[in-house]
Amino acid sequence: MVFVFAITIAIFYFIFTKIDFYSVLEVLSHANPFYLFIALLLLFVVILITAKRWQTILETMGYNFQYKECFILIMAAFPLTSITPSKSGDVIKAYYLKDKIPASKTVGSVITERMFDVLALVLFSLIGMTFYKKYELAFIVLVILIFIIAIFLLVRDGFNFRLPIKSSWDDKIQNLILSTKLLTKDKKVFSIILSYSLLIWFISIVQTITFFYALGISLPLLFAMANIPVAIFIGLIPVTLGGMGTRDAAIIFLFSGFATPEKLLGVGILFSIFRYWLLSLLGIPFMRMLLKEI
């Protein structure tokens, strides 16, 4: 964690050697409150859909939780998610549910969510890049898409055998892939989860566009659809706190033709505030509530 914190500080130090810190503060101080309010509403919509998606995944695994329980668990995970790389804090759900679901199955459900997230982002990016005739990048994204599909197929058909390892570890591995295996075998539920994921990330892309609008930057939807997923992927590289720094640098590079570096860094900061730090603060009461029950 100390290493991750140090890398985050180092990246921002480098960024602010190129961009004036006070100019960024000036940009943020003039952010349009209307678009920030829209971004806030979209954030809550994403959380509500995410809770429903996770509830559906758990039901597929044979565990019936009320929607309210799933919502509380997701909110309680945010404080840790915001201070860990690649949203790895989501595995805290396994701790909260340790008396109800084997930890490996809970972690498996989280991994399944992430796989669908990546699939949705890749699909959106592929559509946007194809529209803008960035065929070289579209080919790379297509390769990633094929790789993801191959993983789904492998989990569905290739892990029916027992691995030549200790039975206890083999059981854990089987639990990790259980939710993905069940979803790939049930086309209807797979379609539902994919639909939830596409909706979640379409709204998230629109929300990110509102950050651009809030700072007076006009941005075409399809261009955003092609490039915002790339910035998000870069932010998922597990080297900084909540993807900060790496995601901001990606936004500055990818959208350099639309605004000054100061404004683009402002967009990255708004993304971190809304998608990580605000959620972290909102999640603290839920986390404390669950910890009291454990």
Protein backbone atom coordinates (compact mmCIF):
# COMPACT_ATOMS: atom_id res chain seq x y z
CA MET A 1 0.00 0.00 0.00
CA VAL A 2 2.89 2.37 0.78
CA PHE A 3 4.33 1.64 -2.66
CA VAL A 4 0.98 2.38 -4.34
CA PHE A 5 0.64 5.64 -2.40
CA ALA A 6 4.18 6.65 -3.36
CA ILE A 7 3.54 5.92 -7.06
CA THR A 8 0.33 8.00 -6.93
CA ILE A 9 2.16 10.97 -5.39
CA ALA A 10 5.02 10.63 -7.90
CA ILE A 11 2.68 10.65 -10.91
CA PHE A 12 0.83 13.73 -9.68
CA TYR A 13 4.14 15.44 -8.89
CA PHE A 14 5.22 14.85 -12.48
CA ILE A 15 1.85 16.06 -13.83
CA PHE A 16 2.04 19.27 -11.81
CA THR A 17 5.53 20.00 -13.09
CA LYS A 18 3.86 20.32 -16.49
CA ILE A 19 0.52 21.84 -15.43
CA ASP A 20 0.00 24.77 -13.07
CA PHE A 21 -1.76 23.58 -9.92
CA TYR A 22 -3.57 26.87 -9.30
CA SER A 23 -4.83 26.97 -12.89
CA VAL A 24 -6.49 23.60 -12.31
CA LEU A 25 -8.11 24.93 -9.13
CA GLU A 26 -9.35 27.91 -11.11
CA VAL A 27 -10.87 25.60 -13.72
CA LEU A 28 -12.62 23.51 -11.06
CA SER A 29 -13.95 26.59 -9.29
CA HIS A 30 -15.90 27.50 -12.44
CA ALA A 31 -17.44 24.06 -12.94
CA ASN A 32 -21.09 24.24 -13.99
CA PRO A 33 -23.17 23.04 -10.99
CA PHE A 34 -26.02 21.87 -13.25
CA TYR A 35 -23.84 19.25 -14.96
CA LEU A 36 -22.34 18.23 -11.63
CA PHE A 37 -25.86 17.66 -10.31
CA ILE A 38 -26.68 15.52 -13.36
CA ALA A 39 -23.46 13.56 -12.75
CA LEU A 40 -24.54 12.97 -9.15
CA LEU A 41 -27.94 11.65 -10.22
CA LEU A 42 -26.33 9.33 -12.79
CA LEU A 43 -23.97 8.05 -10.10
CA PHE A 44 -26.88 6.91 -7.94
CA VAL A 45 -28.54 5.26 -10.93
CA VAL A 46 -25.35 3.29 -11.61
CA ILE A 47 -25.20 2.12 -7.97
CA LEU A 48 -28.82 0.97 -8.05
CA ILE A 49 -28.30 -1.05 -11.25
CA THR A 50 -25.01 -2.47 -9.96
CA ALA A 51 -26.75 -3.74 -6.83
CA LYS A 52 -29.42 -5.43 -8.94
CA ARG A 53 -26.78 -7.03 -11.15
CA TRP A 54 -24.92 -8.49 -8.18
CA GLN A 55 -28.17 -9.74 -6.67
CA THR A 56 -28.90 -11.57 -9.94
CA ILE A 57 -25.42 -13.12 -10.03
CA LEU A 58 -25.82 -14.38 -6.45
CA GLU A 59 -29.26 -15.79 -7.27
CA THR A 60 -27.73 -17.69 -10.19
CA MET A 61 -25.34 -19.26 -7.68
CA GLY A 62 -28.27 -20.31 -5.48
CA TYR A 63 -28.01 -17.55 -2.86
CA ASN A 64 -31.09 -15.38 -2.43
CA PHE A 65 -30.43 -11.97 -0.94
CA GLN A 66 -32.81 -9.07 -0.74
CA TYR A 67 -32.02 -6.14 -3.00
CA LYS A 68 -31.54 -3.96 0.10
CA GLU A 69 -28.82 -6.31 1.38
CA CYS A 70 -26.93 -6.19 -1.91
CA PHE A 71 -27.16 -2.41 -2.00
CA ILE A 72 -25.80 -2.10 1.54
CA LEU A 73 -22.93 -4.52 0.80
CA ILE A 74 -21.94 -2.61 -2.32
CA MET A 75 -22.01 0.71 -0.46
CA ALA A 76 -20.00 -0.77 2.42
CA ALA A 77 -17.27 -1.88 0.01
CA PHE A 78 -16.68 1.59 -1.44
CA PRO A 79 -14.46 3.03 1.35
CA LEU A 80 -11.88 0.29 0.85
CA THR A 81 -12.32 0.24 -2.93
CA SER A 82 -11.33 3.91 -3.11
CA ILE A 83 -7.98 3.39 -1.39
CA THR A 84 -6.92 0.20 -3.15
CA PRO A 85 -5.67 -0.35 -6.71
CA SER A 86 -7.99 -1.71 -9.43
CA LYS A 87 -11.06 -1.65 -7.17
CA SER A 88 -9.65 -4.69 -5.36
CA GLY A 89 -11.44 -3.47 -2.27
CA ASP A 90 -14.57 -5.17 -3.62
CA VAL A 91 -13.28 -8.44 -2.17
CA ILE A 92 -14.27 -7.06 1.24
CA LYS A 93 -17.72 -8.39 0.33
CA ALA A 94 -16.32 -11.86 1.03
CA TYR A 95 -15.52 -10.80 4.59
CA TYR A 96 -18.99 -9.39 5.17
CA LEU A 97 -20.63 -12.56 3.82
CA LYS A 98 -18.22 -15.09 5.32
CA ASP A 99 -20.96 -16.66 7.46
CA LYS A 100 -23.40 -16.99 4.56
CA ILE A 101 -21.32 -17.76 1.46
CA PRO A 102 -17.87 -19.36 1.11
CA ALA A 103 -15.37 -16.56 0.55
CA SER A 104 -14.15 -18.09 -2.71
CA LYS A 105 -17.69 -17.99 -4.14
CA THR A 106 -18.15 -14.34 -3.16
CA VAL A 107 -14.80 -13.41 -4.69
CA GLY A 108 -15.83 -15.39 -7.77
CA SER A 109 -19.00 -13.31 -8.09
CA VAL A 110 -16.90 -10.13 -7.92
CA ILE A 111 -14.53 -11.48 -10.60
CA THR A 112 -17.56 -12.29 -12.77
CA GLU A 113 -18.79 -8.70 -12.37
CA ARG A 114 -15.38 -7.42 -13.47
CA MET A 115 -15.38 -9.69 -16.52
CA PHE A 116 -18.74 -8.30 -17.62
CA ASP A 117 -17.50 -4.76 -16.93
CA VAL A 118 -14.51 -5.31 -19.20
CA LEU A 119 -16.70 -6.91 -21.85
CA ALA A 120 -19.08 -3.92 -21.84
CA LEU A 121 -16.26 -1.37 -21.98
CA VAL A 122 -14.56 -3.22 -24.84
CA LEU A 123 -17.80 -3.33 -26.83
CA PHE A 124 -18.37 0.41 -26.41
CA SER A 125 -14.78 1.22 -27.29
CA LEU A 126 -14.94 -1.01 -30.38
CA ILE A 127 -18.09 0.76 -31.62
CA GLY A 128 -16.58 4.22 -31.11
CA MET A 129 -13.22 3.40 -32.67
CA THR A 130 -14.86 1.77 -35.68
CA PHE A 131 -17.04 4.84 -36.21
CA TYR A 132 -13.99 7.12 -36.10
CA LYS A 133 -12.10 4.73 -38.43
CA LYS A 134 -9.33 4.07 -35.92
CA TYR A 135 -8.98 0.61 -37.36
CA GLU A 136 -5.57 -0.16 -35.83
CA LEU A 137 -6.85 0.51 -32.32
CA ALA A 138 -10.16 -1.17 -33.15
CA PHE A 139 -8.22 -4.30 -34.12
CA ILE A 140 -6.46 -4.32 -30.73
CA VAL A 141 -9.79 -3.93 -28.95
CA LEU A 142 -11.26 -6.70 -31.11
CA VAL A 143 -8.42 -9.02 -30.06
CA ILE A 144 -9.21 -8.22 -26.41
CA LEU A 145 -12.88 -8.95 -27.06
CA ILE A 146 -12.04 -12.33 -28.61
CA PHE A 147 -9.83 -13.10 -25.62
CA ILE A 148 -12.66 -12.32 -23.20
CA ILE A 149 -15.10 -14.48 -25.16
CA ALA A 150 -12.52 -17.28 -25.12
CA ILE A 151 -12.30 -17.06 -21.34
CA PHE A 152 -16.09 -17.33 -21.04
CA LEU A 153 -16.09 -20.39 -23.32
CA LEU A 154 -13.15 -21.97 -21.49
CA VAL A 155 -14.86 -21.55 -18.13
CA ARG A 156 -18.07 -22.99 -19.54
CA ASP A 157 -16.56 -26.01 -21.28
CA GLY A 158 -12.98 -26.42 -20.18
CA PHE A 159 -13.13 -26.61 -16.40
CA ASN A 160 -15.38 -29.61 -16.01
CA PHE A 161 -12.38 -31.72 -15.08
CA ARG A 162 -10.68 -31.80 -11.70
CA LEU A 163 -7.27 -30.19 -11.54
CA PRO A 164 -4.27 -32.27 -10.35
CA ILE A 165 -3.92 -30.36 -7.08
CA LYS A 166 -5.09 -30.73 -3.49
CA SER A 167 -8.85 -31.18 -3.31
CA SER A 168 -9.23 -28.18 -0.98
CA TRP A 169 -7.54 -25.87 -3.50
CA ASP A 170 -9.42 -27.44 -6.39
CA ASP A 171 -12.70 -26.73 -4.59
CA LYS A 172 -11.68 -23.08 -4.14
CA ILE A 173 -10.90 -22.76 -7.84
CA GLN A 174 -14.21 -24.37 -8.75
CA ASN A 175 -15.98 -21.90 -6.44
CA LEU A 176 -14.15 -18.96 -8.03
CA ILE A 177 -15.40 -19.84 -11.49
CA LEU A 178 -18.83 -21.09 -10.38
CA SER A 179 -20.81 -17.91 -11.10
CA THR A 180 -19.17 -17.42 -14.50
CA LYS A 181 -19.77 -21.06 -15.42
CA LEU A 182 -23.45 -20.91 -14.41
CA LEU A 183 -24.01 -17.65 -16.28
CA THR A 184 -22.40 -18.88 -19.49
CA LYS A 185 -24.62 -21.96 -19.42
CA ASP A 186 -27.82 -19.95 -18.91
CA LYS A 187 -28.20 -17.75 -22.01
CA LYS A 188 -31.15 -15.84 -20.58
CA VAL A 189 -29.40 -14.85 -17.37
CA PHE A 190 -26.15 -14.17 -19.28
CA SER A 191 -28.08 -11.74 -21.50
CA ILE A 192 -29.62 -10.07 -18.45
CA ILE A 193 -26.24 -9.58 -16.75
CA LEU A 194 -24.69 -8.32 -19.99
CA SER A 195 -27.60 -5.89 -20.43
CA TYR A 196 -27.11 -4.58 -16.89
CA SER A 197 -23.38 -4.18 -17.56
CA LEU A 198 -23.92 -2.33 -20.85
CA LEU A 199 -26.42 -0.02 -19.17
CA ILE A 200 -24.09 0.60 -16.22
CA TRP A 201 -21.20 1.59 -18.45
CA PHE A 202 -23.25 3.56 -20.95
CA ILE A 203 -24.54 5.68 -18.06
CA SER A 204 -20.99 5.90 -16.70
CA ILE A 205 -19.72 7.17 -20.06
CA VAL A 206 -22.52 9.74 -20.19
CA GLN A 207 -21.65 10.75 -16.63
CA THR A 208 -18.01 11.24 -17.62
CA ILE A 209 -19.15 13.41 -20.53
CA THR A 210 -21.00 15.61 -18.04
CA PHE A 211 -17.64 16.26 -16.34
CA PHE A 212 -16.36 17.58 -19.67
CA TYR A 213 -19.50 19.69 -20.11
CA ALA A 214 -19.20 21.00 -16.56
CA LEU A 215 -15.82 22.47 -17.49
CA GLY A 216 -17.04 23.88 -20.80
CA ILE A 217 -15.63 21.14 -23.05
CA SER A 218 -17.77 19.90 -25.95
CA LEU A 219 -17.27 16.23 -26.69
CA PRO A 220 -18.95 13.95 -29.30
CA LEU A 221 -20.65 10.91 -27.76
CA LEU A 222 -19.01 8.33 -30.02
CA PHE A 223 -15.55 9.81 -29.53
CA ALA A 224 -16.13 9.61 -25.80
CA MET A 225 -17.40 6.05 -26.19
CA ALA A 226 -14.17 5.11 -27.98
CA ASN A 227 -11.74 6.72 -25.57
CA ILE A 228 -13.26 6.89 -22.09
CA PRO A 229 -13.06 3.08 -21.71
CA VAL A 230 -9.35 3.28 -22.59
CA ALA A 231 -8.78 5.83 -19.82
CA ILE A 232 -10.74 3.65 -17.39
CA PHE A 233 -8.69 0.56 -18.34
CA ILE A 234 -5.46 2.47 -17.75
CA GLY A 235 -6.85 3.57 -14.37
CA LEU A 236 -7.40 -0.10 -13.50
CA ILE A 237 -3.68 -0.85 -13.72
CA PRO A 238 -2.93 -1.71 -10.06
CA VAL A 239 -0.20 0.86 -9.38
CA THR A 240 -2.05 3.87 -7.92
CA LEU A 241 -4.82 4.61 -5.42
CA GLY A 242 -8.16 4.27 -7.19
CA GLY A 243 -6.43 4.66 -10.57
CA MET A 244 -5.65 8.32 -9.84
CA GLY A 245 -2.77 9.77 -11.77
CA THR A 246 -2.65 7.10 -14.48
CA ARG A 247 -6.27 7.73 -15.46
CA ASP A 248 -5.75 11.51 -15.36
CA ALA A 249 -2.70 11.26 -17.60
CA ALA A 250 -4.66 9.10 -20.02
CA ILE A 251 -7.51 11.63 -20.18
CA ILE A 252 -5.04 14.45 -20.88
CA PHE A 253 -3.45 12.46 -23.70
CA LEU A 254 -6.59 10.98 -25.29
CA PHE A 255 -8.62 14.21 -25.31
CA SER A 256 -5.80 16.69 -25.98
CA GLY A 257 -7.54 17.92 -29.13
CA PHE A 258 -10.58 19.15 -27.22
CA ALA A 259 -9.26 21.25 -24.32
CA THR A 260 -6.24 22.52 -22.44
CA PRO A 261 -4.32 20.18 -20.12
CA GLU A 262 -5.62 22.16 -17.14
CA LYS A 263 -9.24 21.50 -18.07
CA LEU A 264 -8.59 17.86 -18.90
CA LEU A 265 -6.86 17.31 -15.57
CA GLY A 266 -9.92 18.93 -14.01
CA VAL A 267 -12.06 16.28 -15.72
CA GLY A 268 -9.86 13.54 -14.26
CA ILE A 269 -10.13 15.04 -10.79
CA LEU A 270 -13.92 15.28 -11.05
CA PHE A 271 -13.99 11.64 -12.12
CA SER A 272 -12.01 10.63 -9.03
CA ILE A 273 -14.12 12.82 -6.72
CA PHE A 274 -17.45 11.45 -7.93
CA ARG A 275 -16.53 7.86 -8.75
CA TYR A 276 -14.25 7.19 -5.78
CA TRP A 277 -14.01 9.71 -2.96
CA LEU A 278 -17.68 10.71 -2.80
CA LEU A 279 -18.70 7.05 -2.87
CA SER A 280 -16.14 6.34 -0.18
CA LEU A 281 -17.66 8.96 2.12
CA LEU A 282 -21.20 7.79 1.41
CA GLY A 283 -20.16 4.21 2.09
CA ILE A 284 -18.62 4.79 5.53
CA PRO A 285 -21.95 4.63 7.44
CA PHE A 286 -22.84 1.37 5.64
CA MET A 287 -19.41 -0.09 6.41
CA ARG A 288 -19.69 0.80 10.09
CA MET A 289 -23.19 -0.69 10.23
CA LEU A 290 -22.01 -4.02 8.82
CA LEU A 291 -18.91 -4.15 11.00
CA LYS A 292 -21.11 -3.81 14.09
CA GLU A 293 -23.13 -6.83 12.97
CA ILE A 294 -20.08 -9.03 12.45
